[in-house]
Structures are given as structure tokens and as C-alpha cells.
């Protein structure tokens, strides 16, 4: 599936005293990208939750390449890495939107779970959005 691009601007609260983005914020930005990636496929995460489907995070990785700074505009490219009825992997590339410099790359793995947090198979109505036959 194609990637979806999302932009955001670094807020002062996301930086440390040196004006550099605190490392954990990249994981938050991955979530922003993932939600927009879902929306671009016609799925709102809150609708999935209302249907009893949770995307629980099983794994998250992030490789830092260069620092982002206060007021930089960030582009988050988000795309599906792999999918099957019980789990998906989503990949991210975060870049400086003005210069194109790669800032970080990451990946998250998500298990589809019910409201009790037990793994489930993704319901048919959502499979096309995730490229699952």
C-alpha cells in the first residue's frame, strides 16, 4: 500500500532545554502518522474501538538519524510493512519538511485485540483497509 504523508510543527513543549526534540516524541508522531494512514483508508480508529477492535502495540522501534528542533515542520511518511488477520506492522520515516533531511525511522507492530485485550482476528469489514484478503 502507498504511504501517507502527515505534517506537523514541533512545539516548544516537545523540546528539551537545548531546543532539540525529546526522543519519546517521535513515538507520539508515529501514532499521529498511523491514525492519518488509517483515515486515508477510510477507517477511523474510534470506529474500530466502538466495534470492539483495539490496535494494541506489541513492539515499537525508532532509529534516530538527526535532531529535530523547535518550530521545524516535520513530515511523517507512514505505510504498511506487513499484515495478516491477527497483526500488522507499520513503518515510518520522519523528515524535516523544508530540507528533506531524514530525522528518524521506525516501525510498530500491532496485535488486533478485543475489549478484554485478548488477540482476535480482524473482522472482515476492516480487512480491505489493511490489505488483508
N, C-alpha and C. Protein backbone atom coordinates (compact mmCIF):
# COMPACT_ATOMS: atom_id res chain seq x y z
N UNK A 1 0.84 -1.19 0.00
CA UNK A 1 0.00 0.00 0.00
C UNK A 1 0.88 1.25 0.00
N UNK A 2 0.34 2.29 -0.55
CA UNK A 2 1.06 3.55 -0.60
C UNK A 2 1.19 4.15 0.79
N UNK A 3 2.23 4.97 0.94
CA UNK A 3 2.38 5.66 2.21
C UNK A 3 1.54 6.93 2.21
N UNK A 4 1.27 7.41 3.40
CA UNK A 4 0.52 8.64 3.61
C UNK A 4 1.45 9.62 4.30
N UNK A 5 1.43 10.86 3.84
CA UNK A 5 2.28 11.89 4.42
C UNK A 5 1.46 12.79 5.34
N UNK A 6 1.99 13.02 6.53
CA UNK A 6 1.35 13.88 7.52
C UNK A 6 2.38 14.90 7.97
N UNK A 7 1.95 16.15 8.14
CA UNK A 7 2.88 17.18 8.60
C UNK A 7 2.45 17.74 9.94
N UNK A 8 3.44 18.11 10.72
CA UNK A 8 3.21 18.79 11.99
C UNK A 8 4.38 19.71 12.27
N UNK A 9 4.17 20.65 13.15
CA UNK A 9 5.23 21.59 13.52
C UNK A 9 5.65 21.28 14.95
N UNK A 10 6.97 21.26 15.19
CA UNK A 10 7.50 20.97 16.52
C UNK A 10 7.09 22.09 17.48
N UNK A 11 6.43 21.69 18.54
CA UNK A 11 6.03 22.64 19.58
C UNK A 11 7.15 22.77 20.62
N UNK A 12 7.18 23.91 21.25
CA UNK A 12 8.21 24.16 22.27
C UNK A 12 8.18 23.09 23.35
N UNK A 13 6.98 22.65 23.74
CA UNK A 13 6.84 21.65 24.81
C UNK A 13 7.43 20.29 24.43
N UNK A 14 7.70 20.07 23.15
CA UNK A 14 8.25 18.80 22.70
C UNK A 14 9.79 18.79 22.71
N UNK A 15 10.38 19.90 23.14
CA UNK A 15 11.83 20.00 23.11
C UNK A 15 12.43 20.02 24.52
N UNK A 16 13.73 19.76 24.57
CA UNK A 16 14.45 19.86 25.83
C UNK A 16 15.03 21.27 25.96
N UNK A 17 15.84 21.52 26.97
CA UNK A 17 16.36 22.87 27.18
C UNK A 17 17.30 23.34 26.07
N UNK A 18 17.75 22.41 25.23
CA UNK A 18 18.62 22.78 24.11
C UNK A 18 17.81 23.06 22.83
N UNK A 19 16.47 22.94 22.92
CA UNK A 19 15.63 23.17 21.75
C UNK A 19 15.56 21.98 20.81
N UNK A 20 16.04 20.83 21.26
CA UNK A 20 16.02 19.60 20.47
C UNK A 20 14.83 18.75 20.91
N UNK A 21 14.16 18.12 19.95
CA UNK A 21 13.00 17.29 20.28
C UNK A 21 13.41 16.15 21.19
N UNK A 22 12.67 15.98 22.27
CA UNK A 22 12.87 14.88 23.21
C UNK A 22 12.55 13.57 22.49
N UNK A 23 13.37 12.56 22.66
CA UNK A 23 13.31 11.35 21.85
C UNK A 23 11.96 10.63 21.87
N UNK A 24 11.25 10.63 22.98
CA UNK A 24 9.98 9.90 23.06
C UNK A 24 8.90 10.52 22.19
N UNK A 25 9.04 11.78 21.82
CA UNK A 25 8.03 12.42 20.98
C UNK A 25 7.96 11.80 19.59
N UNK A 26 9.02 11.18 19.12
CA UNK A 26 8.98 10.54 17.81
C UNK A 26 7.97 9.39 17.81
N UNK A 27 7.84 8.69 18.91
CA UNK A 27 6.87 7.61 19.01
C UNK A 27 5.45 8.19 18.98
N UNK A 28 5.24 9.33 19.60
CA UNK A 28 3.95 10.01 19.54
C UNK A 28 3.66 10.42 18.10
N UNK A 29 4.66 10.92 17.40
CA UNK A 29 4.47 11.31 16.00
C UNK A 29 4.14 10.11 15.13
N UNK A 30 4.69 8.94 15.45
CA UNK A 30 4.34 7.73 14.71
C UNK A 30 2.85 7.44 14.87
N UNK A 31 2.33 7.65 16.07
CA UNK A 31 0.89 7.46 16.28
C UNK A 31 0.09 8.44 15.43
N UNK A 32 0.51 9.69 15.37
CA UNK A 32 -0.17 10.68 14.53
C UNK A 32 -0.20 10.19 13.08
N UNK A 33 0.94 9.73 12.59
CA UNK A 33 1.00 9.22 11.23
C UNK A 33 0.11 8.02 11.01
N UNK A 34 0.09 7.10 11.97
CA UNK A 34 -0.71 5.88 11.86
C UNK A 34 -2.20 6.19 11.81
N UNK A 35 -2.66 7.10 12.65
CA UNK A 35 -4.07 7.48 12.66
C UNK A 35 -4.46 8.11 11.32
N UNK A 36 -3.59 8.95 10.77
CA UNK A 36 -3.87 9.57 9.47
C UNK A 36 -3.80 8.54 8.34
N UNK A 37 -2.90 7.57 8.45
CA UNK A 37 -2.82 6.49 7.47
C UNK A 37 -4.12 5.70 7.46
N UNK A 38 -4.64 5.38 8.64
CA UNK A 38 -5.93 4.69 8.72
C UNK A 38 -7.04 5.53 8.11
N UNK A 39 -7.08 6.80 8.47
CA UNK A 39 -8.13 7.70 7.97
C UNK A 39 -8.10 7.77 6.44
N UNK A 40 -6.90 7.78 5.85
CA UNK A 40 -6.78 7.82 4.39
C UNK A 40 -7.34 6.56 3.73
N UNK A 41 -7.44 5.49 4.49
CA UNK A 41 -8.01 4.24 4.00
C UNK A 41 -9.48 4.08 4.38
N UNK A 42 -10.07 5.15 4.89
CA UNK A 42 -11.49 5.13 5.21
C UNK A 42 -11.84 4.53 6.55
N UNK A 43 -10.84 4.42 7.44
CA UNK A 43 -11.08 3.83 8.76
C UNK A 43 -10.76 4.85 9.83
N UNK A 44 -11.71 5.10 10.70
CA UNK A 44 -11.42 5.94 11.87
C UNK A 44 -11.17 4.99 13.04
N UNK A 45 -10.07 5.22 13.74
CA UNK A 45 -9.71 4.33 14.83
C UNK A 45 -10.81 4.26 15.89
N UNK A 46 -11.46 5.38 16.15
CA UNK A 46 -12.51 5.36 17.17
C UNK A 46 -13.67 4.48 16.75
N UNK A 47 -13.93 4.36 15.43
CA UNK A 47 -14.97 3.44 14.96
C UNK A 47 -14.57 2.00 15.18
N UNK A 48 -13.28 1.69 14.95
CA UNK A 48 -12.80 0.34 15.23
C UNK A 48 -12.99 0.01 16.70
N UNK A 49 -12.62 0.96 17.58
CA UNK A 49 -12.79 0.73 19.01
C UNK A 49 -14.25 0.52 19.37
N UNK A 50 -15.15 1.29 18.75
CA UNK A 50 -16.58 1.14 19.01
C UNK A 50 -17.06 -0.25 18.57
N UNK A 51 -16.40 -0.82 17.57
CA UNK A 51 -16.73 -2.17 17.10
C UNK A 51 -16.00 -3.24 17.92
N UNK A 52 -15.27 -2.84 18.95
CA UNK A 52 -14.59 -3.79 19.82
C UNK A 52 -13.25 -4.26 19.30
N UNK A 53 -12.63 -3.50 18.40
CA UNK A 53 -11.32 -3.87 17.86
C UNK A 53 -10.29 -2.85 18.33
N UNK A 54 -9.28 -3.33 19.04
CA UNK A 54 -8.20 -2.47 19.52
C UNK A 54 -6.92 -2.81 18.78
N UNK A 55 -6.12 -1.80 18.46
CA UNK A 55 -4.81 -1.99 17.86
C UNK A 55 -3.77 -1.86 18.97
N UNK A 56 -3.50 -2.93 19.66
CA UNK A 56 -2.56 -2.86 20.77
C UNK A 56 -1.12 -2.90 20.25
N UNK A 57 -0.27 -2.08 20.82
CA UNK A 57 1.13 -2.03 20.41
C UNK A 57 1.87 -3.20 21.06
N UNK A 58 2.50 -4.02 20.22
CA UNK A 58 3.28 -5.15 20.71
C UNK A 58 4.77 -4.84 20.67
N UNK A 59 5.15 -3.91 19.78
CA UNK A 59 6.56 -3.59 19.62
C UNK A 59 6.68 -2.21 18.97
N UNK A 60 7.69 -1.46 19.36
CA UNK A 60 7.97 -0.17 18.73
C UNK A 60 9.47 0.03 18.68
N UNK A 61 9.96 0.44 17.52
CA UNK A 61 11.37 0.74 17.37
C UNK A 61 11.52 2.11 16.71
N UNK A 62 12.61 2.77 17.03
CA UNK A 62 12.88 4.06 16.42
C UNK A 62 14.40 4.23 16.30
N UNK A 63 14.84 4.59 15.12
CA UNK A 63 16.26 4.84 14.86
C UNK A 63 16.39 6.33 14.56
N UNK A 64 17.22 7.00 15.33
CA UNK A 64 17.39 8.45 15.21
C UNK A 64 18.55 8.76 14.29
N UNK A 65 18.32 9.64 13.31
CA UNK A 65 19.34 9.98 12.32
C UNK A 65 19.87 11.41 12.49
N UNK A 66 18.98 12.34 12.85
CA UNK A 66 19.37 13.75 13.02
C UNK A 66 18.34 14.40 13.94
N UNK A 67 18.72 15.46 14.64
CA UNK A 67 17.78 16.08 15.57
C UNK A 67 16.76 16.99 14.87
N UNK A 68 15.55 16.98 15.40
CA UNK A 68 14.54 17.97 15.03
C UNK A 68 14.58 19.04 16.10
N UNK A 69 14.21 20.24 15.73
CA UNK A 69 14.29 21.38 16.65
C UNK A 69 12.98 22.13 16.69
N UNK A 70 12.85 22.94 17.72
CA UNK A 70 11.66 23.76 17.90
C UNK A 70 11.31 24.51 16.61
N UNK A 71 10.05 24.48 16.25
CA UNK A 71 9.45 25.17 15.11
C UNK A 71 9.75 24.54 13.75
N UNK A 72 10.52 23.45 13.70
CA UNK A 72 10.70 22.74 12.43
C UNK A 72 9.36 22.15 12.00
N UNK A 73 9.13 22.09 10.70
CA UNK A 73 7.97 21.37 10.19
C UNK A 73 8.44 19.96 9.86
N UNK A 74 7.71 18.99 10.38
CA UNK A 74 8.09 17.59 10.25
C UNK A 74 7.11 16.89 9.31
N UNK A 75 7.65 16.07 8.43
CA UNK A 75 6.82 15.23 7.57
C UNK A 75 6.96 13.79 8.03
N UNK A 76 5.83 13.14 8.25
CA UNK A 76 5.81 11.75 8.68
C UNK A 76 5.23 10.93 7.54
N UNK A 77 6.05 10.09 6.93
CA UNK A 77 5.58 9.17 5.88
C UNK A 77 5.28 7.85 6.56
N UNK A 78 4.04 7.39 6.42
CA UNK A 78 3.57 6.20 7.11
C UNK A 78 3.05 5.19 6.10
N UNK A 79 3.46 3.94 6.23
CA UNK A 79 2.99 2.90 5.31
C UNK A 79 2.98 1.53 5.95
N UNK A 80 2.19 0.67 5.38
CA UNK A 80 2.08 -0.70 5.87
C UNK A 80 3.31 -1.50 5.48
N UNK A 81 3.89 -2.20 6.43
CA UNK A 81 5.04 -3.07 6.18
C UNK A 81 4.55 -4.48 5.91
N UNK A 82 3.64 -4.97 6.76
CA UNK A 82 3.07 -6.31 6.58
C UNK A 82 1.75 -6.40 7.35
N UNK A 83 0.92 -7.35 6.92
CA UNK A 83 -0.39 -7.51 7.58
C UNK A 83 -0.88 -8.94 7.45
N UNK A 84 -1.50 -9.41 8.50
CA UNK A 84 -2.26 -10.65 8.46
C UNK A 84 -3.42 -10.49 9.44
N UNK A 85 -4.37 -11.40 9.47
CA UNK A 85 -5.60 -11.19 10.25
C UNK A 85 -5.42 -10.94 11.75
N UNK A 86 -4.26 -11.22 12.30
CA UNK A 86 -4.06 -11.01 13.74
C UNK A 86 -3.09 -9.88 14.08
N UNK A 87 -2.33 -9.39 13.07
CA UNK A 87 -1.27 -8.43 13.39
C UNK A 87 -0.89 -7.62 12.17
N UNK A 88 -0.47 -6.39 12.40
CA UNK A 88 0.09 -5.55 11.33
C UNK A 88 1.40 -4.94 11.80
N UNK A 89 2.24 -4.59 10.83
CA UNK A 89 3.45 -3.82 11.07
C UNK A 89 3.37 -2.56 10.22
N UNK A 90 3.65 -1.42 10.83
CA UNK A 90 3.57 -0.13 10.16
C UNK A 90 4.94 0.52 10.23
N UNK A 91 5.38 1.11 9.12
CA UNK A 91 6.68 1.76 9.07
C UNK A 91 6.54 3.27 8.94
N UNK A 92 7.53 3.98 9.42
CA UNK A 92 7.50 5.45 9.47
C UNK A 92 8.86 6.02 9.09
N UNK A 93 8.84 7.11 8.35
CA UNK A 93 10.03 7.91 8.12
C UNK A 93 9.67 9.34 8.46
N UNK A 94 10.41 9.93 9.39
CA UNK A 94 10.17 11.31 9.81
C UNK A 94 11.31 12.17 9.28
N UNK A 95 10.93 13.22 8.54
CA UNK A 95 11.90 14.08 7.89
C UNK A 95 11.59 15.54 8.16
N UNK A 96 12.62 16.38 7.99
CA UNK A 96 12.41 17.82 8.03
C UNK A 96 11.73 18.19 6.72
N UNK A 97 10.52 18.75 6.79
CA UNK A 97 9.73 19.04 5.59
C UNK A 97 10.40 20.07 4.70
N UNK A 98 11.17 20.98 5.27
CA UNK A 98 11.81 22.04 4.49
C UNK A 98 13.07 21.56 3.78
N UNK A 99 13.90 20.79 4.49
CA UNK A 99 15.19 20.38 3.93
C UNK A 99 15.19 18.96 3.36
N UNK A 100 14.20 18.15 3.78
CA UNK A 100 14.16 16.76 3.35
C UNK A 100 15.07 15.85 4.16
N UNK A 101 15.80 16.40 5.12
CA UNK A 101 16.72 15.59 5.93
C UNK A 101 15.94 14.56 6.74
N UNK A 102 16.38 13.30 6.64
CA UNK A 102 15.76 12.23 7.41
C UNK A 102 16.14 12.40 8.88
N UNK A 103 15.12 12.42 9.74
CA UNK A 103 15.33 12.60 11.17
C UNK A 103 15.28 11.28 11.93
N UNK A 104 14.32 10.44 11.58
CA UNK A 104 14.15 9.16 12.29
C UNK A 104 13.35 8.21 11.42
N UNK A 105 13.59 6.92 11.63
CA UNK A 105 12.79 5.88 11.01
C UNK A 105 12.31 4.95 12.12
N UNK A 106 11.16 4.37 11.94
CA UNK A 106 10.63 3.50 12.97
C UNK A 106 9.64 2.51 12.44
N UNK A 107 9.24 1.62 13.32
CA UNK A 107 8.26 0.60 12.98
C UNK A 107 7.50 0.23 14.24
N UNK A 108 6.21 -0.02 14.08
CA UNK A 108 5.40 -0.52 15.18
C UNK A 108 4.69 -1.78 14.74
N UNK A 109 4.53 -2.71 15.67
CA UNK A 109 3.77 -3.93 15.43
C UNK A 109 2.54 -3.87 16.32
N UNK A 110 1.39 -4.21 15.75
CA UNK A 110 0.12 -4.12 16.47
C UNK A 110 -0.64 -5.43 16.36
N UNK A 111 -1.13 -5.89 17.49
CA UNK A 111 -1.97 -7.08 17.54
C UNK A 111 -3.42 -6.60 17.64
N UNK A 112 -4.30 -7.17 16.82
CA UNK A 112 -5.72 -6.86 16.93
C UNK A 112 -6.26 -7.57 18.16
N UNK A 113 -6.88 -6.80 19.06
CA UNK A 113 -7.42 -7.36 20.30
C UNK A 113 -8.86 -6.92 20.49
N UNK A 114 -9.58 -7.70 21.29
CA UNK A 114 -10.92 -7.33 21.70
C UNK A 114 -10.85 -6.44 22.93
N UNK A 115 -12.02 -6.01 23.43
CA UNK A 115 -12.05 -5.13 24.60
C UNK A 115 -11.38 -5.73 25.84
N UNK A 116 -11.25 -7.06 25.88
CA UNK A 116 -10.60 -7.73 27.01
C UNK A 116 -9.09 -7.84 26.81
N UNK A 117 -8.58 -7.23 25.72
CA UNK A 117 -7.16 -7.24 25.36
C UNK A 117 -6.64 -8.62 24.97
N UNK A 118 -7.53 -9.52 24.62
CA UNK A 118 -7.13 -10.83 24.11
C UNK A 118 -7.09 -10.74 22.58
N UNK A 119 -6.09 -11.36 21.96
CA UNK A 119 -5.97 -11.29 20.50
C UNK A 119 -7.22 -11.84 19.79
N UNK A 120 -7.56 -11.17 18.69
CA UNK A 120 -8.68 -11.59 17.85
C UNK A 120 -8.24 -11.52 16.39
N UNK A 121 -9.05 -12.10 15.52
CA UNK A 121 -8.85 -11.94 14.08
C UNK A 121 -9.57 -10.67 13.67
N UNK A 122 -8.95 -9.90 12.79
CA UNK A 122 -9.55 -8.66 12.33
C UNK A 122 -10.86 -8.96 11.61
N UNK A 123 -11.95 -8.29 12.00
CA UNK A 123 -13.24 -8.52 11.33
C UNK A 123 -13.15 -8.21 9.83
N UNK A 124 -13.94 -8.93 9.05
CA UNK A 124 -13.96 -8.79 7.60
C UNK A 124 -14.13 -7.35 7.14
N UNK A 125 -14.97 -6.58 7.82
CA UNK A 125 -15.27 -5.23 7.35
C UNK A 125 -14.05 -4.31 7.32
N UNK A 126 -12.98 -4.67 8.04
CA UNK A 126 -11.78 -3.83 8.07
C UNK A 126 -10.62 -4.42 7.26
N UNK A 127 -10.75 -5.62 6.79
CA UNK A 127 -9.60 -6.29 6.15
C UNK A 127 -9.11 -5.59 4.90
N UNK A 128 -10.00 -5.09 4.07
CA UNK A 128 -9.55 -4.43 2.83
C UNK A 128 -8.69 -3.20 3.14
N UNK A 129 -9.02 -2.47 4.18
CA UNK A 129 -8.26 -1.27 4.55
C UNK A 129 -6.82 -1.62 4.92
N UNK A 130 -6.61 -2.83 5.42
CA UNK A 130 -5.27 -3.27 5.82
C UNK A 130 -4.62 -4.16 4.78
N UNK A 131 -5.31 -4.35 3.65
CA UNK A 131 -4.77 -5.18 2.58
C UNK A 131 -4.75 -6.65 2.92
N UNK A 132 -5.69 -7.08 3.75
CA UNK A 132 -5.77 -8.47 4.18
C UNK A 132 -6.90 -9.14 3.41
N UNK A 133 -6.58 -10.23 2.75
CA UNK A 133 -7.60 -10.96 1.96
C UNK A 133 -8.47 -11.83 2.84
